[in-house]
Amino acid sequence: MEGELAGLAAVVRAGGTCLDVGAEYGLYTYALADLVGRSGAVHSFEPLPGAFTVLSAGSTALGCRGTVHRHRVALGARTELAEMSLPVRRGLPVHGRAFVTSGADGRGAEPAVLLGADRTLRSDRPAVLLEIEERHLAKYGWNAQGVVDLMERQGHRMYAWRNACWRPVPRVTDEGRNYLFVTDRDGA
């Protein structure tokens, strides 16, 4: 289980609106739905049909259909049709390792989502929890420091969940893969 789930309450408020991009089966979606409550909204984006089906069933079973709004699309820097790769291991799909294959020449994945959300990140200044791993970023010609620099240029500071609280960190390390970016407005 992701330890950062415990830290979401520090930045997610009742009645808020959250996005879960690459929601997969809904681990973060359900935690966010609980935090925003019935007066809030969680928009979950999952393009893969199998994972989307599980996400939809889970939303219904947990009674959060009014709060969780599911979207079967991938987000990126621009509107386009794109192919995705879904790795298979031991005969089973590995949804957590799926990636957009088009644009693997320097555009795509987390950086494409951030670039596509540039105006929102600058104007609304939301808290953003990102999974940052060099091995995934390299497919698109990016590295971890490039993502950190992009977020810092937009006024966000980076934190990592360490010893049961969000702590400021200067760089991405092997200690974890999930990093919270907040502005002065959000706190951590």
N, C-alpha and C. Protein backbone atom coordinates (compact mmCIF):
# COMPACT_ATOMS: atom_id res chain seq x y z
N MET A 1 0.84 -1.18 0.00
CA MET A 1 0.00 0.00 0.00
C MET A 1 0.88 1.24 0.00
N GLU A 2 0.40 2.28 -0.64
CA GLU A 2 1.12 3.53 -0.75
C GLU A 2 1.02 4.29 0.57
N GLY A 3 2.15 4.57 1.22
CA GLY A 3 2.15 5.29 2.48
C GLY A 3 1.60 6.70 2.37
N GLU A 4 1.72 7.30 1.20
CA GLU A 4 1.27 8.66 0.99
C GLU A 4 -0.23 8.82 1.16
N LEU A 5 -0.98 7.73 1.07
CA LEU A 5 -2.43 7.81 1.26
C LEU A 5 -2.76 8.45 2.61
N ALA A 6 -1.97 8.14 3.62
CA ALA A 6 -2.21 8.71 4.95
C ALA A 6 -2.00 10.21 4.96
N GLY A 7 -1.20 10.72 4.07
CA GLY A 7 -0.91 12.15 4.04
C GLY A 7 -1.86 12.99 3.20
N LEU A 8 -2.78 12.34 2.50
CA LEU A 8 -3.70 13.10 1.65
C LEU A 8 -4.58 14.06 2.44
N ALA A 9 -4.93 13.69 3.66
CA ALA A 9 -5.80 14.55 4.48
C ALA A 9 -5.17 15.91 4.75
N ALA A 10 -3.86 16.02 4.65
CA ALA A 10 -3.19 17.30 4.88
C ALA A 10 -3.45 18.30 3.76
N VAL A 11 -3.83 17.83 2.58
CA VAL A 11 -4.01 18.74 1.45
C VAL A 11 -5.38 18.66 0.77
N VAL A 12 -6.18 17.64 1.10
CA VAL A 12 -7.50 17.48 0.48
C VAL A 12 -8.57 17.85 1.49
N ARG A 13 -9.45 18.75 1.08
CA ARG A 13 -10.49 19.24 1.98
C ARG A 13 -11.87 18.73 1.57
N ALA A 14 -12.78 18.64 2.54
CA ALA A 14 -14.18 18.30 2.27
C ALA A 14 -14.74 19.33 1.29
N GLY A 15 -15.49 18.84 0.30
CA GLY A 15 -16.08 19.71 -0.70
C GLY A 15 -15.14 20.06 -1.85
N GLY A 16 -13.90 19.57 -1.79
CA GLY A 16 -12.91 19.88 -2.83
C GLY A 16 -13.12 19.08 -4.10
N THR A 17 -12.33 19.40 -5.09
CA THR A 17 -12.33 18.68 -6.36
C THR A 17 -10.94 18.13 -6.58
N CYS A 18 -10.85 16.83 -6.89
CA CYS A 18 -9.57 16.17 -7.11
C CYS A 18 -9.57 15.46 -8.46
N LEU A 19 -8.40 15.32 -9.04
CA LEU A 19 -8.22 14.53 -10.25
C LEU A 19 -7.30 13.37 -9.92
N ASP A 20 -7.66 12.18 -10.39
CA ASP A 20 -6.81 11.00 -10.28
C ASP A 20 -6.49 10.59 -11.70
N VAL A 21 -5.32 10.99 -12.17
CA VAL A 21 -4.91 10.75 -13.56
C VAL A 21 -4.14 9.44 -13.62
N GLY A 22 -4.63 8.50 -14.44
CA GLY A 22 -4.06 7.16 -14.45
C GLY A 22 -4.56 6.42 -13.23
N ALA A 23 -5.86 6.45 -13.01
CA ALA A 23 -6.48 5.95 -11.79
C ALA A 23 -6.33 4.44 -11.59
N GLU A 24 -6.09 3.70 -12.66
CA GLU A 24 -6.00 2.25 -12.61
C GLU A 24 -7.24 1.69 -11.92
N TYR A 25 -7.09 0.96 -10.82
CA TYR A 25 -8.24 0.33 -10.16
C TYR A 25 -8.92 1.23 -9.14
N GLY A 26 -8.34 2.38 -8.84
CA GLY A 26 -9.01 3.35 -7.97
C GLY A 26 -8.46 3.50 -6.57
N LEU A 27 -7.27 3.00 -6.28
CA LEU A 27 -6.71 3.11 -4.93
C LEU A 27 -6.78 4.55 -4.41
N TYR A 28 -6.28 5.50 -5.19
CA TYR A 28 -6.32 6.90 -4.77
C TYR A 28 -7.71 7.48 -4.93
N THR A 29 -8.44 7.06 -5.95
CA THR A 29 -9.79 7.56 -6.18
C THR A 29 -10.66 7.39 -4.95
N TYR A 30 -10.67 6.20 -4.36
CA TYR A 30 -11.53 5.92 -3.22
C TYR A 30 -11.09 6.70 -1.98
N ALA A 31 -9.79 6.83 -1.77
CA ALA A 31 -9.29 7.61 -0.64
C ALA A 31 -9.67 9.09 -0.81
N LEU A 32 -9.54 9.60 -2.02
CA LEU A 32 -9.89 10.99 -2.29
C LEU A 32 -11.39 11.21 -2.13
N ALA A 33 -12.20 10.27 -2.61
CA ALA A 33 -13.65 10.39 -2.48
C ALA A 33 -14.06 10.47 -1.01
N ASP A 34 -13.42 9.69 -0.17
CA ASP A 34 -13.72 9.72 1.26
C ASP A 34 -13.39 11.10 1.83
N LEU A 35 -12.27 11.67 1.42
CA LEU A 35 -11.84 12.97 1.95
C LEU A 35 -12.70 14.13 1.46
N VAL A 36 -13.09 14.15 0.20
CA VAL A 36 -13.91 15.26 -0.32
C VAL A 36 -15.36 15.13 0.10
N GLY A 37 -15.80 13.91 0.41
CA GLY A 37 -17.17 13.69 0.84
C GLY A 37 -18.19 13.90 -0.27
N ARG A 38 -19.45 13.82 0.10
CA ARG A 38 -20.54 13.92 -0.88
C ARG A 38 -20.63 15.30 -1.52
N SER A 39 -20.10 16.33 -0.88
CA SER A 39 -20.15 17.67 -1.45
C SER A 39 -18.99 17.95 -2.40
N GLY A 40 -18.05 17.01 -2.50
CA GLY A 40 -16.90 17.18 -3.37
C GLY A 40 -16.99 16.32 -4.61
N ALA A 41 -15.92 16.32 -5.39
CA ALA A 41 -15.90 15.54 -6.63
C ALA A 41 -14.49 15.02 -6.88
N VAL A 42 -14.44 13.79 -7.38
CA VAL A 42 -13.18 13.19 -7.81
C VAL A 42 -13.37 12.78 -9.27
N HIS A 43 -12.52 13.30 -10.14
CA HIS A 43 -12.54 12.93 -11.55
C HIS A 43 -11.40 11.94 -11.77
N SER A 44 -11.76 10.71 -12.13
CA SER A 44 -10.78 9.64 -12.31
C SER A 44 -10.63 9.37 -13.80
N PHE A 45 -9.39 9.43 -14.27
CA PHE A 45 -9.08 9.21 -15.68
C PHE A 45 -8.32 7.90 -15.82
N GLU A 46 -8.90 6.95 -16.55
CA GLU A 46 -8.27 5.65 -16.78
C GLU A 46 -8.63 5.18 -18.18
N PRO A 47 -7.68 5.13 -19.10
CA PRO A 47 -7.98 4.77 -20.48
C PRO A 47 -8.11 3.27 -20.76
N LEU A 48 -7.53 2.42 -19.94
CA LEU A 48 -7.52 0.99 -20.24
C LEU A 48 -8.84 0.34 -19.85
N PRO A 49 -9.45 -0.42 -20.77
CA PRO A 49 -10.79 -0.97 -20.52
C PRO A 49 -10.90 -1.87 -19.29
N GLY A 50 -9.94 -2.74 -19.06
CA GLY A 50 -10.02 -3.65 -17.92
C GLY A 50 -9.97 -2.90 -16.60
N ALA A 51 -9.00 -2.02 -16.47
CA ALA A 51 -8.88 -1.25 -15.24
C ALA A 51 -10.08 -0.32 -15.06
N PHE A 52 -10.57 0.26 -16.15
CA PHE A 52 -11.74 1.14 -16.08
C PHE A 52 -12.96 0.39 -15.58
N THR A 53 -13.13 -0.85 -16.01
CA THR A 53 -14.25 -1.67 -15.56
C THR A 53 -14.18 -1.92 -14.05
N VAL A 54 -12.98 -2.22 -13.56
CA VAL A 54 -12.80 -2.44 -12.12
C VAL A 54 -13.05 -1.13 -11.36
N LEU A 55 -12.53 -0.03 -11.87
CA LEU A 55 -12.75 1.28 -11.26
C LEU A 55 -14.24 1.59 -11.17
N SER A 56 -14.97 1.33 -12.23
CA SER A 56 -16.41 1.59 -12.26
C SER A 56 -17.15 0.71 -11.26
N ALA A 57 -16.81 -0.57 -11.22
CA ALA A 57 -17.46 -1.50 -10.28
C ALA A 57 -17.15 -1.10 -8.84
N GLY A 58 -15.92 -0.72 -8.58
CA GLY A 58 -15.53 -0.30 -7.23
C GLY A 58 -16.27 0.95 -6.79
N SER A 59 -16.43 1.91 -7.71
CA SER A 59 -17.15 3.14 -7.39
C SER A 59 -18.58 2.84 -6.99
N THR A 60 -19.19 1.90 -7.71
CA THR A 60 -20.56 1.52 -7.41
C THR A 60 -20.63 0.77 -6.08
N ALA A 61 -19.76 -0.20 -5.89
CA ALA A 61 -19.78 -1.03 -4.68
C ALA A 61 -19.53 -0.21 -3.42
N LEU A 62 -18.69 0.81 -3.52
CA LEU A 62 -18.37 1.63 -2.35
C LEU A 62 -19.33 2.80 -2.17
N GLY A 63 -20.31 2.93 -3.04
CA GLY A 63 -21.32 3.97 -2.90
C GLY A 63 -20.83 5.37 -3.19
N CYS A 64 -19.83 5.50 -4.04
CA CYS A 64 -19.30 6.84 -4.33
C CYS A 64 -19.55 7.28 -5.78
N ARG A 65 -20.58 6.73 -6.40
CA ARG A 65 -20.88 7.09 -7.79
C ARG A 65 -21.24 8.56 -7.95
N GLY A 66 -21.88 9.18 -6.97
CA GLY A 66 -22.20 10.60 -7.09
C GLY A 66 -20.99 11.50 -6.93
N THR A 67 -19.99 11.01 -6.25
CA THR A 67 -18.77 11.78 -6.00
C THR A 67 -17.71 11.51 -7.06
N VAL A 68 -17.59 10.24 -7.47
CA VAL A 68 -16.56 9.85 -8.43
C VAL A 68 -17.11 9.92 -9.85
N HIS A 69 -16.42 10.68 -10.68
CA HIS A 69 -16.78 10.81 -12.09
C HIS A 69 -15.66 10.16 -12.90
N ARG A 70 -15.99 9.08 -13.57
CA ARG A 70 -14.99 8.29 -14.29
C ARG A 70 -14.91 8.73 -15.75
N HIS A 71 -13.68 8.79 -16.26
CA HIS A 71 -13.44 9.20 -17.65
C HIS A 71 -12.50 8.18 -18.28
N ARG A 72 -12.94 7.54 -19.35
CA ARG A 72 -12.09 6.52 -19.99
C ARG A 72 -11.24 7.18 -21.09
N VAL A 73 -10.31 8.00 -20.65
CA VAL A 73 -9.37 8.69 -21.54
C VAL A 73 -8.03 8.84 -20.81
N ALA A 74 -7.00 9.05 -21.60
CA ALA A 74 -5.69 9.43 -21.05
C ALA A 74 -5.58 10.95 -21.21
N LEU A 75 -4.87 11.60 -20.33
CA LEU A 75 -4.66 13.03 -20.44
C LEU A 75 -3.25 13.29 -20.95
N GLY A 76 -3.09 14.41 -21.65
CA GLY A 76 -1.79 14.76 -22.20
C GLY A 76 -1.72 16.22 -22.54
N ALA A 77 -0.72 16.57 -23.33
CA ALA A 77 -0.49 17.97 -23.69
C ALA A 77 -1.44 18.46 -24.76
N ARG A 78 -2.00 17.55 -25.54
CA ARG A 78 -2.92 17.97 -26.62
C ARG A 78 -3.91 16.84 -26.90
N THR A 79 -4.96 17.18 -27.63
CA THR A 79 -5.97 16.21 -28.00
C THR A 79 -5.49 15.43 -29.22
N GLU A 80 -5.44 14.12 -29.09
CA GLU A 80 -5.03 13.27 -30.20
C GLU A 80 -5.40 11.82 -29.89
N LEU A 81 -5.46 11.00 -30.91
CA LEU A 81 -5.59 9.56 -30.72
C LEU A 81 -4.19 9.01 -30.50
N ALA A 82 -4.04 8.13 -29.54
CA ALA A 82 -2.72 7.59 -29.23
C ALA A 82 -2.85 6.12 -28.89
N GLU A 83 -1.79 5.38 -29.13
CA GLU A 83 -1.74 3.97 -28.76
C GLU A 83 -1.13 3.83 -27.39
N MET A 84 -1.56 2.76 -26.70
CA MET A 84 -0.99 2.46 -25.40
C MET A 84 -0.41 1.06 -25.42
N SER A 85 0.63 0.88 -24.64
CA SER A 85 1.22 -0.42 -24.45
C SER A 85 0.78 -0.94 -23.09
N LEU A 86 0.30 -2.17 -23.05
CA LEU A 86 -0.09 -2.80 -21.79
C LEU A 86 0.78 -4.04 -21.61
N PRO A 87 1.85 -3.93 -20.82
CA PRO A 87 2.72 -5.08 -20.60
C PRO A 87 1.98 -6.24 -19.95
N VAL A 88 2.42 -7.44 -20.27
CA VAL A 88 1.85 -8.66 -19.71
C VAL A 88 2.96 -9.42 -19.01
N ARG A 89 2.67 -9.87 -17.79
CA ARG A 89 3.65 -10.66 -17.04
C ARG A 89 2.93 -11.87 -16.46
N ARG A 90 3.49 -13.03 -16.73
CA ARG A 90 2.90 -14.31 -16.29
C ARG A 90 1.46 -14.44 -16.78
N GLY A 91 1.23 -13.95 -17.98
CA GLY A 91 -0.07 -14.07 -18.61
C GLY A 91 -1.12 -13.08 -18.15
N LEU A 92 -0.74 -12.14 -17.28
CA LEU A 92 -1.69 -11.16 -16.76
C LEU A 92 -1.26 -9.74 -17.13
N PRO A 93 -2.23 -8.85 -17.43
CA PRO A 93 -1.87 -7.47 -17.75
C PRO A 93 -1.33 -6.75 -16.52
N VAL A 94 -0.33 -5.91 -16.74
CA VAL A 94 0.26 -5.12 -15.66
C VAL A 94 -0.14 -3.67 -15.91
N HIS A 95 -1.34 -3.30 -15.45
CA HIS A 95 -1.89 -1.98 -15.72
C HIS A 95 -1.02 -0.85 -15.19
N GLY A 96 -0.36 -1.06 -14.08
CA GLY A 96 0.49 -0.03 -13.50
C GLY A 96 1.73 0.28 -14.32
N ARG A 97 2.01 -0.52 -15.33
CA ARG A 97 3.17 -0.29 -16.20
C ARG A 97 2.76 0.08 -17.63
N ALA A 98 1.47 0.31 -17.84
CA ALA A 98 0.99 0.72 -19.16
C ALA A 98 1.49 2.12 -19.47
N PHE A 99 1.70 2.40 -20.75
CA PHE A 99 2.14 3.73 -21.13
C PHE A 99 1.72 4.04 -22.56
N VAL A 100 1.61 5.33 -22.85
CA VAL A 100 1.29 5.80 -24.19
C VAL A 100 2.53 5.60 -25.04
N THR A 101 2.38 4.86 -26.15
CA THR A 101 3.55 4.58 -26.99
C THR A 101 3.83 5.72 -27.95
N SER A 102 2.79 6.38 -28.44
CA SER A 102 3.04 7.52 -29.32
C SER A 102 3.64 8.63 -28.47
N GLY A 103 4.60 9.33 -29.02
CA GLY A 103 5.26 10.39 -28.29
C GLY A 103 6.41 9.93 -27.46
N ALA A 104 6.77 8.66 -27.54
CA ALA A 104 7.89 8.16 -26.74
C ALA A 104 9.21 8.66 -27.30
N ASP A 105 9.16 9.74 -28.07
CA ASP A 105 10.37 10.35 -28.62
C ASP A 105 10.69 11.66 -27.91
N GLY A 106 10.05 11.94 -26.81
CA GLY A 106 10.33 13.16 -26.07
C GLY A 106 9.06 13.85 -25.57
N ARG A 107 7.88 13.33 -25.84
CA ARG A 107 6.61 13.89 -25.36
C ARG A 107 5.81 12.74 -24.74
N GLY A 108 5.03 13.02 -23.70
CA GLY A 108 4.15 11.99 -23.16
C GLY A 108 4.21 11.82 -21.67
N ALA A 109 3.44 10.85 -21.11
CA ALA A 109 3.38 10.47 -19.69
C ALA A 109 3.17 11.67 -18.78
N GLU A 110 3.76 11.63 -17.59
CA GLU A 110 3.56 12.69 -16.61
C GLU A 110 3.92 14.06 -17.17
N PRO A 111 5.06 14.22 -17.87
CA PRO A 111 5.36 15.54 -18.41
C PRO A 111 4.28 16.07 -19.35
N ALA A 112 3.69 15.21 -20.19
CA ALA A 112 2.65 15.66 -21.11
C ALA A 112 1.42 16.12 -20.34
N VAL A 113 1.06 15.41 -19.28
CA VAL A 113 -0.08 15.81 -18.46
C VAL A 113 0.19 17.17 -17.84
N LEU A 114 1.39 17.35 -17.30
CA LEU A 114 1.74 18.62 -16.67
C LEU A 114 1.78 19.76 -17.67
N LEU A 115 2.32 19.51 -18.85
CA LEU A 115 2.35 20.54 -19.88
C LEU A 115 0.93 20.89 -20.35
N GLY A 116 0.07 19.89 -20.45
CA GLY A 116 -1.32 20.13 -20.83
C GLY A 116 -2.09 20.88 -19.77
N ALA A 117 -1.66 20.76 -18.53
CA ALA A 117 -2.35 21.42 -17.41
C ALA A 117 -1.67 22.72 -17.01
N ASP A 118 -0.77 23.21 -17.81
CA ASP A 118 0.03 24.39 -17.47
C ASP A 118 -0.82 25.56 -16.97
N ARG A 119 -1.85 25.92 -17.71
CA ARG A 119 -2.68 27.08 -17.33
C ARG A 119 -3.36 26.85 -15.98
N THR A 120 -3.88 25.64 -15.76
CA THR A 120 -4.53 25.31 -14.49
C THR A 120 -3.53 25.33 -13.35
N LEU A 121 -2.35 24.77 -13.57
CA LEU A 121 -1.34 24.74 -12.52
C LEU A 121 -0.91 26.15 -12.12
N ARG A 122 -0.81 27.04 -13.11
CA ARG A 122 -0.40 28.42 -12.82
C ARG A 122 -1.52 29.24 -12.17
N SER A 123 -2.74 29.09 -12.66
CA SER A 123 -3.84 29.94 -12.16
C SER A 123 -4.46 29.38 -10.88
N ASP A 124 -4.76 28.10 -10.83
CA ASP A 124 -5.43 27.52 -9.67
C ASP A 124 -4.47 27.05 -8.59
N ARG A 125 -3.24 26.77 -8.99
CA ARG A 125 -2.17 26.36 -8.08
C ARG A 125 -2.57 25.20 -7.17
N PRO A 126 -3.07 24.10 -7.77
CA PRO A 126 -3.49 22.96 -6.95
C PRO A 126 -2.31 22.18 -6.38
N ALA A 127 -2.57 21.44 -5.33
CA ALA A 127 -1.59 20.48 -4.83
C ALA A 127 -1.57 19.32 -5.84
N VAL A 128 -0.38 18.78 -6.11
CA VAL A 128 -0.23 17.72 -7.11
C VAL A 128 0.65 16.63 -6.52
N LEU A 129 0.13 15.39 -6.51
CA LEU A 129 0.91 14.23 -6.08
C LEU A 129 1.34 13.49 -7.34
N LEU A 130 2.64 13.37 -7.55
CA LEU A 130 3.19 12.75 -8.75
C LEU A 130 4.02 11.53 -8.43
N GLU A 131 3.88 10.52 -9.26
CA GLU A 131 4.80 9.38 -9.22
C GLU A 131 5.93 9.74 -10.17
N ILE A 132 7.15 9.78 -9.65
CA ILE A 132 8.31 10.17 -10.46
C ILE A 132 9.34 9.06 -10.42
N GLU A 133 9.54 8.42 -11.58
CA GLU A 133 10.55 7.37 -11.69
C GLU A 133 11.32 7.57 -12.98
N GLU A 134 12.63 7.57 -12.86
CA GLU A 134 13.50 7.79 -14.02
C GLU A 134 13.21 6.82 -15.16
N ARG A 135 12.98 5.54 -14.82
CA ARG A 135 12.79 4.53 -15.86
C ARG A 135 11.58 4.81 -16.73
N HIS A 136 10.53 5.42 -16.16
CA HIS A 136 9.36 5.75 -16.95
C HIS A 136 9.57 7.05 -17.73
N LEU A 137 10.19 8.02 -17.10
CA LEU A 137 10.40 9.30 -17.74
C LEU A 137 11.35 9.20 -18.93
N ALA A 138 12.32 8.31 -18.84
CA ALA A 138 13.32 8.17 -19.91
C ALA A 138 12.69 7.81 -21.25
N LYS A 139 11.55 7.10 -21.22
CA LYS A 139 10.87 6.73 -22.47
C LYS A 139 10.45 7.96 -23.27
N TYR A 140 10.29 9.08 -22.57
CA TYR A 140 9.78 10.29 -23.20
C TYR A 140 10.82 11.40 -23.26
N GLY A 141 12.07 11.06 -23.00
CA GLY A 141 13.12 12.06 -23.08
C GLY A 141 13.16 13.02 -21.91
N TRP A 142 12.58 12.62 -20.78
CA TRP A 142 12.57 13.46 -19.58
C TRP A 142 13.36 12.77 -18.48
N ASN A 143 13.66 13.53 -17.44
CA ASN A 143 14.24 12.95 -16.23
C ASN A 143 13.55 13.57 -15.02
N ALA A 144 13.82 13.02 -13.86
CA ALA A 144 13.15 13.46 -12.64
C ALA A 144 13.39 14.94 -12.36
N GLN A 145 14.62 15.38 -12.53
CA GLN A 145 14.92 16.78 -12.23
C GLN A 145 14.17 17.72 -13.17
N GLY A 146 13.94 17.30 -14.41
CA GLY A 146 13.16 18.11 -15.35
C GLY A 146 11.73 18.31 -14.87
N VAL A 147 11.13 17.27 -14.31
CA VAL A 147 9.77 17.37 -13.77
C VAL A 147 9.76 18.29 -12.56
N VAL A 148 10.74 18.13 -11.67
CA VAL A 148 10.84 18.99 -10.48
C VAL A 148 11.00 20.45 -10.91
N ASP A 149 11.88 20.70 -11.87
CA ASP A 149 12.11 22.07 -12.35
C ASP A 149 10.83 22.67 -12.93
N LEU A 150 10.08 21.87 -13.69
CA LEU A 150 8.83 22.34 -14.28
C LEU A 150 7.85 22.76 -13.19
N MET A 151 7.70 21.94 -12.17
CA MET A 151 6.77 22.25 -11.09
C MET A 151 7.25 23.47 -10.28
N GLU A 152 8.53 23.56 -10.06
CA GLU A 152 9.06 24.70 -9.31
C GLU A 152 8.88 26.00 -10.08
N ARG A 153 9.02 25.97 -11.39
CA ARG A 153 8.78 27.17 -12.22
C ARG A 153 7.33 27.64 -12.10
N GLN A 154 6.43 26.72 -11.79
CA GLN A 154 5.02 27.06 -11.65
C GLN A 154 4.66 27.42 -10.21
N GLY A 155 5.67 27.55 -9.35
CA GLY A 155 5.45 28.01 -7.99
C GLY A 155 5.19 26.91 -6.96
N HIS A 156 5.47 25.67 -7.30
CA HIS A 156 5.24 24.55 -6.39
C HIS A 156 6.54 24.14 -5.69
N ARG A 157 6.40 23.71 -4.44
CA ARG A 157 7.52 23.16 -3.68
C ARG A 157 7.32 21.66 -3.53
N MET A 158 8.40 20.89 -3.45
CA MET A 158 8.33 19.43 -3.41
C MET A 158 8.49 18.90 -1.98
N TYR A 159 7.61 17.90 -1.67
CA TYR A 159 7.63 17.21 -0.39
C TYR A 159 7.57 15.71 -0.63
N ALA A 160 8.07 14.96 0.33
CA ALA A 160 7.97 13.50 0.29
C ALA A 160 7.41 13.03 1.64
N TRP A 161 6.67 11.94 1.61
CA TRP A 161 6.09 11.36 2.83
C TRP A 161 7.17 10.57 3.54
N ARG A 162 7.67 11.11 4.63
CA ARG A 162 8.74 10.47 5.40
C ARG A 162 8.38 10.52 6.88
N ASN A 163 8.48 9.41 7.58
CA ASN A 163 8.22 9.36 9.02
C ASN A 163 6.85 9.95 9.37
N ALA A 164 5.85 9.55 8.61
CA ALA A 164 4.44 9.90 8.86
C ALA A 164 4.10 11.38 8.71
N CYS A 165 4.88 12.12 7.90
CA CYS A 165 4.48 13.49 7.58
C CYS A 165 5.17 13.93 6.28
N TRP A 166 4.63 14.98 5.69
CA TRP A 166 5.22 15.53 4.47
C TRP A 166 6.42 16.37 4.84
N ARG A 167 7.56 16.04 4.27
CA ARG A 167 8.80 16.77 4.56
C ARG A 167 9.36 17.35 3.27
N PRO A 168 9.85 18.60 3.34
CA PRO A 168 10.45 19.19 2.13
C PRO A 168 11.68 18.38 1.72
N VAL A 169 11.81 18.17 0.42
CA VAL A 169 12.97 17.46 -0.11
C VAL A 169 13.51 18.23 -1.30
N PRO A 170 14.84 18.23 -1.47
CA PRO A 170 15.44 19.00 -2.56
C PRO A 170 15.44 18.28 -3.91
N ARG A 171 15.32 16.93 -3.88
CA ARG A 171 15.41 16.18 -5.14
C ARG A 171 14.74 14.81 -5.00
N VAL A 172 14.50 14.20 -6.12
CA VAL A 172 13.94 12.85 -6.16
C VAL A 172 15.04 11.86 -5.80
N THR A 173 14.73 10.90 -4.93
CA THR A 173 15.71 9.91 -4.53
C THR A 173 15.11 8.51 -4.67
N ASP A 174 15.90 7.51 -4.37
CA ASP A 174 15.43 6.12 -4.40
C ASP A 174 14.58 5.75 -3.18
N GLU A 175 14.45 6.67 -2.23
CA GLU A 175 13.67 6.38 -1.02
C GLU A 175 12.17 6.26 -1.30
N GLY A 176 11.71 6.86 -2.36
CA GLY A 176 10.29 6.82 -2.68
C GLY A 176 10.05 7.28 -4.11
N ARG A 177 8.83 7.04 -4.57
CA ARG A 177 8.53 7.43 -5.95
C ARG A 177 7.42 8.46 -6.05
N ASN A 178 6.72 8.72 -4.94
CA ASN A 178 5.61 9.66 -4.94
C ASN A 178 6.01 10.95 -4.24
N TYR A 179 5.74 12.07 -4.90
CA TYR A 179 6.13 13.38 -4.38
C TYR A 179 4.96 14.33 -4.47
N LEU A 180 4.78 15.11 -3.40
CA LEU A 180 3.72 16.10 -3.33
C LEU A 180 4.30 17.46 -3.67
N PHE A 181 3.61 18.17 -4.56
CA PHE A 181 4.00 19.53 -4.92
C PHE A 181 2.88 20.46 -4.49
N VAL A 182 3.23 21.45 -3.66
CA VAL A 182 2.24 22.40 -3.17
C VAL A 182 2.76 23.82 -3.30
N THR A 183 1.82 24.75 -3.25
CA THR A 183 2.15 26.18 -3.25
C THR A 183 1.98 26.69 -1.83
N ASP A 184 2.29 27.94 -1.60
CA ASP A 184 2.13 28.52 -0.27
C ASP A 184 0.69 28.41 0.21
N ARG A 185 -0.24 28.44 -0.70
CA ARG A 185 -1.67 28.38 -0.36
C ARG A 185 -2.04 27.04 0.26
N ASP A 186 -1.42 25.95 -0.20
CA ASP A 186 -1.83 24.62 0.21
C ASP A 186 -1.29 24.18 1.56
N GLY A 187 -0.03 24.42 1.81
CA GLY A 187 0.61 23.89 3.00
C GLY A 187 0.80 22.39 2.88
N ALA A 188 1.56 21.81 3.77
CA ALA A 188 1.77 20.34 3.69
C ALA A 188 1.85 19.72 5.04
